[in-house]
Amino acid sequence: MTSGFIVAGTDTGIGKTVFCAALTRALGFNYWKPVQAGTHEETDTQVVQRLSGLPADHFLEPRHSLRTPCSPHLAAEIDKVQIERSQLGLPETARPVVVELAGGLLVPLTRDLLQIDVMADWALPIILCARTSLGTINHTLLSVDVLKTRGLNIHGITFIGEENIDTERTICDFAMARRLGRLPLLASLDAVTLHAAFDAHFRREDFQ
């Protein structure tokens, strides 16, 4: 049975892909983005490969690579692609895998299938990525509530952004969830600076 983590976000564009690159490299895992929406520029898989510096055999092909950069359900309709729940089972791999979601938990993959429905099928522990900026307490606690309502396993919360001690503490206290660390915003983002930031702000043993 495939092991690893699901990396989810409270929203889109918060730095989840960058965190996935750091985590995949630190743990030596494989990386998989099941549904990629938007392929005109660098895909998330290509970003993670570039920032992790890992060889190509650590990266699994998406089940669906959709051209249009929008919600997967609409991108699939525009591209005339049928997304089926049965197609989205976890790949069998020799290494554990970091599974990166497309945006937030309740992103629709089809008109009658949400991303969180498939997460339940995978049954992997979930790392929730959250901003540290204003508004994140509400967004993060809503996401935690949805995960708990669905009976899903929250491994912990990763924060991304400038340090905000009270906000991070408040979220973890109300969520009754572990704070895994915080990935700061980096003035220069490359494999070297990202790996150094991960080592400075996270402990590998927290991901065991």
C-alpha atoms as a PDB file:
ATOM      1  CA  MET A   1       0.000   0.000   0.000  1.00  0.00           C
ATOM      2  CA  THR A   2       1.306   3.454  -0.917  1.00  0.00           C
ATOM      3  CA  SER A   3       2.298   5.643   2.025  1.00  0.00           C
ATOM      4  CA  GLY A   4       3.160   9.336   2.320  1.00  0.00           C
ATOM      5  CA  PHE A   5       1.311  12.607   2.808  1.00  0.00           C
ATOM      6  CA  ILE A   6      -1.394  14.661   1.153  1.00  0.00           C
ATOM      7  CA  VAL A   7      -0.440  18.343   1.039  1.00  0.00           C
ATOM      8  CA  ALA A   8      -3.542  20.521   1.000  1.00  0.00           C
ATOM      9  CA  GLY A   9      -3.985  24.267   1.094  1.00  0.00           C
ATOM     10  CA  THR A  10      -6.505  26.610   2.636  1.00  0.00           C
ATOM     11  CA  ASP A  11      -6.564  28.434  -0.706  1.00  0.00           C
ATOM     12  CA  THR A  12      -4.786  28.580  -4.031  1.00  0.00           C
ATOM     13  CA  GLY A  13      -1.510  30.420  -4.604  1.00  0.00           C
ATOM     14  CA  ILE A  14      -0.281  30.291  -1.010  1.00  0.00           C
ATOM     15  CA  GLY A  15       3.045  28.556  -1.652  1.00  0.00           C
ATOM     16  CA  LYS A  16       1.903  24.944  -1.342  1.00  0.00           C
ATOM     17  CA  THR A  17       3.936  23.835  -4.356  1.00  0.00           C
ATOM     18  CA  VAL A  18       7.110  25.394  -2.977  1.00  0.00           C
ATOM     19  CA  PHE A  19       6.543  23.622   0.333  1.00  0.00           C
ATOM     20  CA  CYS A  20       5.994  20.350  -1.553  1.00  0.00           C
ATOM     21  CA  ALA A  21       9.367  20.798  -3.243  1.00  0.00           C
ATOM     22  CA  ALA A  22      11.086  21.294   0.105  1.00  0.00           C
ATOM     23  CA  LEU A  23       9.273  18.369   1.726  1.00  0.00           C
ATOM     24  CA  THR A  24       9.829  15.976  -1.182  1.00  0.00           C
ATOM     25  CA  ARG A  25      13.555  16.722  -1.153  1.00  0.00           C
ATOM     26  CA  ALA A  26      13.902  16.550   2.631  1.00  0.00           C
ATOM     27  CA  LEU A  27      12.184  13.162   2.872  1.00  0.00           C
ATOM     28  CA  GLY A  28      13.421  11.707  -0.429  1.00  0.00           C
ATOM     29  CA  PHE A  29       9.840  10.875  -1.406  1.00  0.00           C
ATOM     30  CA  ASN A  30       8.146  10.772  -4.797  1.00  0.00           C
ATOM     31  CA  TYR A  31       5.885  13.646  -5.868  1.00  0.00           C
ATOM     32  CA  TRP A  32       2.495  13.394  -7.540  1.00  0.00           C
ATOM     33  CA  LYS A  33      -0.028  16.034  -8.599  1.00  0.00           C
ATOM     34  CA  PRO A  34      -3.067  14.006  -9.728  1.00  0.00           C
ATOM     35  CA  VAL A  35      -4.801  16.836 -11.609  1.00  0.00           C
ATOM     36  CA  GLN A  36      -2.868  19.739 -13.135  1.00  0.00           C
ATOM     37  CA  ALA A  37      -4.968  22.618 -14.440  1.00  0.00           C
ATOM     38  CA  GLY A  38      -2.900  25.013 -16.550  1.00  0.00           C
ATOM     39  CA  THR A  39      -0.037  23.735 -18.689  1.00  0.00           C
ATOM     40  CA  HIS A  40       0.890  26.801 -20.747  1.00  0.00           C
ATOM     41  CA  GLU A  41       3.686  27.765 -18.372  1.00  0.00           C
ATOM     42  CA  GLU A  42       5.758  25.722 -15.919  1.00  0.00           C
ATOM     43  CA  THR A  43       3.606  23.019 -14.326  1.00  0.00           C
ATOM     44  CA  ASP A  44       3.651  22.305 -10.602  1.00  0.00           C
ATOM     45  CA  THR A  45       5.517  19.051 -11.224  1.00  0.00           C
ATOM     46  CA  GLN A  46       8.192  20.936 -13.148  1.00  0.00           C
ATOM     47  CA  VAL A  47       8.455  23.534 -10.359  1.00  0.00           C
ATOM     48  CA  VAL A  48       8.884  20.837  -7.708  1.00  0.00           C
ATOM     49  CA  GLN A  49      11.491  19.033  -9.792  1.00  0.00           C
ATOM     50  CA  ARG A  50      13.445  22.259 -10.345  1.00  0.00           C
ATOM     51  CA  LEU A  51      13.300  23.386  -6.710  1.00  0.00           C
ATOM     52  CA  SER A  52      13.912  19.969  -5.190  1.00  0.00           C
ATOM     53  CA  GLY A  53      16.814  19.024  -7.430  1.00  0.00           C
ATOM     54  CA  LEU A  54      15.686  15.388  -7.323  1.00  0.00           C
ATOM     55  CA  PRO A  55      16.100  13.118 -10.363  1.00  0.00           C
ATOM     56  CA  ALA A  56      13.218  12.449 -12.742  1.00  0.00           C
ATOM     57  CA  ASP A  57      12.333   9.065 -11.250  1.00  0.00           C
ATOM     58  CA  HIS A  58      10.923  10.839  -8.163  1.00  0.00           C
ATOM     59  CA  PHE A  59       8.144  12.454 -10.218  1.00  0.00           C
ATOM     60  CA  LEU A  60       4.917  10.757 -11.247  1.00  0.00           C
ATOM     61  CA  GLU A  61       2.876  11.914 -14.205  1.00  0.00           C
ATOM     62  CA  PRO A  62      -0.479  13.596 -13.440  1.00  0.00           C
ATOM     63  CA  ARG A  63      -3.534  11.541 -14.289  1.00  0.00           C
ATOM     64  CA  HIS A  64      -4.938  14.628 -15.991  1.00  0.00           C
ATOM     65  CA  SER A  65      -2.990  17.577 -17.435  1.00  0.00           C
ATOM     66  CA  LEU A  66      -5.558  20.202 -18.367  1.00  0.00           C
ATOM     67  CA  ARG A  67      -4.601  23.211 -20.469  1.00  0.00           C
ATOM     68  CA  THR A  68      -6.868  25.865 -18.973  1.00  0.00           C
ATOM     69  CA  PRO A  69      -5.717  27.468 -15.669  1.00  0.00           C
ATOM     70  CA  CYS A  70      -8.991  27.368 -13.733  1.00  0.00           C
ATOM     71  CA  SER A  71     -10.932  25.040 -11.459  1.00  0.00           C
ATOM     72  CA  PRO A  72     -10.338  21.427 -12.609  1.00  0.00           C
ATOM     73  CA  HIS A  73     -14.017  20.700 -13.234  1.00  0.00           C
ATOM     74  CA  LEU A  74     -14.300  23.615 -15.668  1.00  0.00           C
ATOM     75  CA  ALA A  75     -10.853  23.034 -17.214  1.00  0.00           C
ATOM     76  CA  ALA A  76     -11.866  19.429 -17.933  1.00  0.00           C
ATOM     77  CA  GLU A  77     -15.103  20.555 -19.563  1.00  0.00           C
ATOM     78  CA  ILE A  78     -13.257  23.090 -21.720  1.00  0.00           C
ATOM     79  CA  ASP A  79     -10.672  20.469 -22.719  1.00  0.00           C
ATOM     80  CA  LYS A  80     -13.411  17.851 -23.228  1.00  0.00           C
ATOM     81  CA  VAL A  81     -11.775  15.506 -20.719  1.00  0.00           C
ATOM     82  CA  GLN A  82     -13.733  13.113 -18.514  1.00  0.00           C
ATOM     83  CA  ILE A  83     -12.404  12.867 -14.956  1.00  0.00           C
ATOM     84  CA  GLU A  84     -13.479   9.678 -13.196  1.00  0.00           C
ATOM     85  CA  ARG A  85     -13.039   8.921  -9.513  1.00  0.00           C
ATOM     86  CA  SER A  86     -11.861   5.412 -10.425  1.00  0.00           C
ATOM     87  CA  GLN A  87      -8.927   6.926 -12.366  1.00  0.00           C
ATOM     88  CA  LEU A  88      -7.548   8.757  -9.329  1.00  0.00           C
ATOM     89  CA  GLY A  89      -6.372   5.901  -7.147  1.00  0.00           C
ATOM     90  CA  LEU A  90      -2.956   6.256  -5.535  1.00  0.00           C
ATOM     91  CA  PRO A  91      -0.131   5.001  -7.746  1.00  0.00           C
ATOM     92  CA  GLU A  92       1.853   2.070  -6.412  1.00  0.00           C
ATOM     93  CA  THR A  93       5.425   3.229  -5.871  1.00  0.00           C
ATOM     94  CA  ALA A  94       8.547   1.928  -4.166  1.00  0.00           C
ATOM     95  CA  ARG A  95       8.886   5.207  -2.271  1.00  0.00           C
ATOM     96  CA  PRO A  96       6.321   7.082  -0.197  1.00  0.00           C
ATOM     97  CA  VAL A  97       4.681   9.922  -2.080  1.00  0.00           C
ATOM     98  CA  VAL A  98       3.865  13.591  -1.513  1.00  0.00           C
ATOM     99  CA  VAL A  99       0.461  14.175  -3.116  1.00  0.00           C
ATOM    100  CA  GLU A 100      -0.242  17.817  -3.919  1.00  0.00           C
ATOM    101  CA  LEU A 101      -3.843  18.893  -4.287  1.00  0.00           C
ATOM    102  CA  ALA A 102      -5.172  21.444  -6.763  1.00  0.00           C
ATOM    103  CA  GLY A 103      -5.995  24.415  -4.529  1.00  0.00           C
ATOM    104  CA  GLY A 104      -8.237  23.946  -1.494  1.00  0.00           C
ATOM    105  CA  LEU A 105     -10.136  21.018  -0.048  1.00  0.00           C
ATOM    106  CA  LEU A 106     -13.508  21.646  -1.663  1.00  0.00           C
ATOM    107  CA  VAL A 107     -12.260  22.291  -5.187  1.00  0.00           C
ATOM    108  CA  PRO A 108     -14.575  20.445  -7.610  1.00  0.00           C
ATOM    109  CA  LEU A 109     -12.992  17.892  -9.932  1.00  0.00           C
ATOM    110  CA  THR A 110     -16.299  17.271 -11.710  1.00  0.00           C
ATOM    111  CA  ARG A 111     -19.840  18.560 -11.300  1.00  0.00           C
ATOM    112  CA  ASP A 112     -20.482  15.885  -8.661  1.00  0.00           C
ATOM    113  CA  LEU A 113     -17.034  15.115  -7.213  1.00  0.00           C
ATOM    114  CA  LEU A 114     -15.032  17.261  -4.800  1.00  0.00           C
ATOM    115  CA  GLN A 115     -11.326  16.911  -4.179  1.00  0.00           C
ATOM    116  CA  ILE A 116     -11.975  15.978  -0.547  1.00  0.00           C
ATOM    117  CA  ASP A 117     -13.995  12.960  -1.702  1.00  0.00           C
ATOM    118  CA  VAL A 118     -10.901  11.521  -3.370  1.00  0.00           C
ATOM    119  CA  MET A 119      -8.755  12.368  -0.339  1.00  0.00           C
ATOM    120  CA  ALA A 120     -10.955  10.017   1.681  1.00  0.00           C
ATOM    121  CA  ASP A 121     -10.199   7.250  -0.826  1.00  0.00           C
ATOM    122  CA  TRP A 122      -6.443   7.786  -0.432  1.00  0.00           C
ATOM    123  CA  ALA A 123      -6.541   7.613   3.397  1.00  0.00           C
ATOM    124  CA  LEU A 124      -3.167   9.347   3.819  1.00  0.00           C
ATOM    125  CA  PRO A 125      -2.321  11.806   6.619  1.00  0.00           C
ATOM    126  CA  ILE A 126      -2.880  15.415   5.590  1.00  0.00           C
ATOM    127  CA  ILE A 127      -0.540  18.376   5.929  1.00  0.00           C
ATOM    128  CA  LEU A 128      -2.532  21.594   5.733  1.00  0.00           C
ATOM    129  CA  CYS A 129      -0.671  24.639   4.378  1.00  0.00           C
ATOM    130  CA  ALA A 130      -1.905  28.020   5.618  1.00  0.00           C
ATOM    131  CA  ARG A 131      -0.929  31.649   5.136  1.00  0.00           C
ATOM    132  CA  THR A 132       0.211  33.757   8.068  1.00  0.00           C
ATOM    133  CA  SER A 133      -1.471  36.928   6.764  1.00  0.00           C
ATOM    134  CA  LEU A 134      -4.754  38.514   7.849  1.00  0.00           C
ATOM    135  CA  GLY A 135      -7.771  36.264   7.353  1.00  0.00           C
ATOM    136  CA  THR A 136      -5.892  33.016   7.732  1.00  0.00           C
ATOM    137  CA  ILE A 137      -7.419  32.108  11.108  1.00  0.00           C
ATOM    138  CA  ASN A 138     -10.901  31.896   9.624  1.00  0.00           C
ATOM    139  CA  HIS A 139      -9.812  30.112   6.423  1.00  0.00           C
ATOM    140  CA  THR A 140      -7.636  27.618   8.232  1.00  0.00           C
ATOM    141  CA  LEU A 141     -10.129  26.730  10.949  1.00  0.00           C
ATOM    142  CA  LEU A 142     -12.841  26.256   8.328  1.00  0.00           C
ATOM    143  CA  SER A 143     -10.548  23.843   6.476  1.00  0.00           C
ATOM    144  CA  VAL A 144      -9.730  21.982   9.686  1.00  0.00           C
ATOM    145  CA  ASP A 145     -13.430  21.724  10.523  1.00  0.00           C
ATOM    146  CA  VAL A 146     -14.191  20.206   7.121  1.00  0.00           C
ATOM    147  CA  LEU A 147     -11.382  17.667   7.498  1.00  0.00           C
ATOM    148  CA  LYS A 148     -12.548  16.648  10.968  1.00  0.00           C
ATOM    149  CA  THR A 149     -16.176  16.427   9.860  1.00  0.00           C
ATOM    150  CA  ARG A 150     -15.084  14.009   7.150  1.00  0.00           C
ATOM    151  CA  GLY A 151     -13.043  11.988   9.643  1.00  0.00           C
ATOM    152  CA  LEU A 152      -9.757  12.632   7.833  1.00  0.00           C
ATOM    153  CA  ASN A 153      -6.364  12.444   9.546  1.00  0.00           C
ATOM    154  CA  ILE A 154      -4.660  15.826  10.004  1.00  0.00           C
ATOM    155  CA  HIS A 155      -0.935  15.279  10.447  1.00  0.00           C
ATOM    156  CA  GLY A 156      -0.299  18.951  11.183  1.00  0.00           C
ATOM    157  CA  ILE A 157      -0.318  22.517   9.900  1.00  0.00           C
ATOM    158  CA  THR A 158       2.466  24.206   7.955  1.00  0.00           C
ATOM    159  CA  PHE A 159       2.503  27.994   7.821  1.00  0.00           C
ATOM    160  CA  ILE A 160       3.842  29.967   4.871  1.00  0.00           C
ATOM    161  CA  GLY A 161       4.806  33.642   5.100  1.00  0.00           C
ATOM    162  CA  GLU A 162       6.155  36.140   7.591  1.00  0.00           C
ATOM    163  CA  GLU A 163       6.248  35.105  11.232  1.00  0.00           C
ATOM    164  CA  ASN A 164       2.976  35.719  13.068  1.00  0.00           C
ATOM    165  CA  ILE A 165       3.355  34.031  16.449  1.00  0.00           C
ATOM    166  CA  ASP A 166      -0.102  34.747  17.845  1.00  0.00           C
ATOM    167  CA  THR A 167      -1.943  33.774  14.668  1.00  0.00           C
ATOM    168  CA  GLU A 168      -0.052  30.491  14.368  1.00  0.00           C
ATOM    169  CA  ARG A 169      -0.624  29.663  18.031  1.00  0.00           C
ATOM    170  CA  THR A 170      -4.317  30.591  17.869  1.00  0.00           C
ATOM    171  CA  ILE A 171      -4.930  28.393  14.840  1.00  0.00           C
ATOM    172  CA  CYS A 172      -3.177  25.366  16.310  1.00  0.00           C
ATOM    173  CA  ASP A 173      -4.889  25.781  19.690  1.00  0.00           C
ATOM    174  CA  PHE A 174      -8.384  25.968  18.225  1.00  0.00           C
ATOM    175  CA  ALA A 175      -7.654  23.275  15.645  1.00  0.00           C
ATOM    176  CA  MET A 176      -6.001  21.024  18.262  1.00  0.00           C
ATOM    177  CA  ALA A 177      -3.418  20.335  15.576  1.00  0.00           C
ATOM    178  CA  ARG A 178       0.361  20.171  15.548  1.00  0.00           C
ATOM    179  CA  ARG A 179       2.356  23.117  14.215  1.00  0.00           C
ATOM    180  CA  LEU A 180       4.907  21.565  11.870  1.00  0.00           C
ATOM    181  CA  GLY A 181       6.813  24.763  11.121  1.00  0.00           C
ATOM    182  CA  ARG A 182       6.781  27.868   8.970  1.00  0.00           C
ATOM    183  CA  LEU A 183       8.292  28.368   5.545  1.00  0.00           C
ATOM    184  CA  PRO A 184       9.343  32.039   5.290  1.00  0.00           C
ATOM    185  CA  LEU A 185       9.064  34.104   2.141  1.00  0.00           C
ATOM    186  CA  LEU A 186      12.436  33.942   0.399  1.00  0.00           C
ATOM    187  CA  ALA A 187      13.919  36.926  -1.433  1.00  0.00           C
ATOM    188  CA  SER A 188      15.765  34.513  -3.704  1.00  0.00           C
ATOM    189  CA  LEU A 189      14.002  31.220  -4.356  1.00  0.00           C
ATOM    190  CA  ASP A 190      16.086  28.338  -5.656  1.00  0.00           C
ATOM    191  CA  ALA A 191      16.967  24.813  -4.562  1.00  0.00           C
ATOM    192  CA  VAL A 192      19.754  25.952  -2.224  1.00  0.00           C
ATOM    193  CA  THR A 193      17.801  28.688  -0.404  1.00  0.00           C
ATOM    194  CA  LEU A 194      14.670  26.543  -0.160  1.00  0.00           C
ATOM    195  CA  HIS A 195      16.472  23.551   1.345  1.00  0.00           C
ATOM    196  CA  ALA A 196      18.264  25.809   3.830  1.00  0.00           C
ATOM    197  CA  ALA A 197      14.960  27.387   4.870  1.00  0.00           C
ATOM    198  CA  PHE A 198      13.347  23.996   5.389  1.00  0.00           C
ATOM    199  CA  ASP A 199      16.244  22.790   7.513  1.00  0.00           C
ATOM    200  CA  ALA A 200      16.093  25.957   9.622  1.00  0.00           C
ATOM    201  CA  HIS A 201      12.343  25.908  10.252  1.00  0.00           C
ATOM    202  CA  PHE A 202      11.274  22.254  10.229  1.00  0.00           C
ATOM    203  CA  ARG A 203      12.311  18.971  11.839  1.00  0.00           C
ATOM    204  CA  ARG A 204      12.356  15.854   9.694  1.00  0.00           C
ATOM    205  CA  GLU A 205      11.233  13.718  12.636  1.00  0.00           C
ATOM    206  CA  ASP A 206       7.896  15.570  12.651  1.00  0.00           C
ATOM    207  CA  PHE A 207       7.099  13.937   9.313  1.00  0.00           C
ATOM    208  CA  GLN A 208       7.628  10.353  10.429  1.00  0.00           C
END
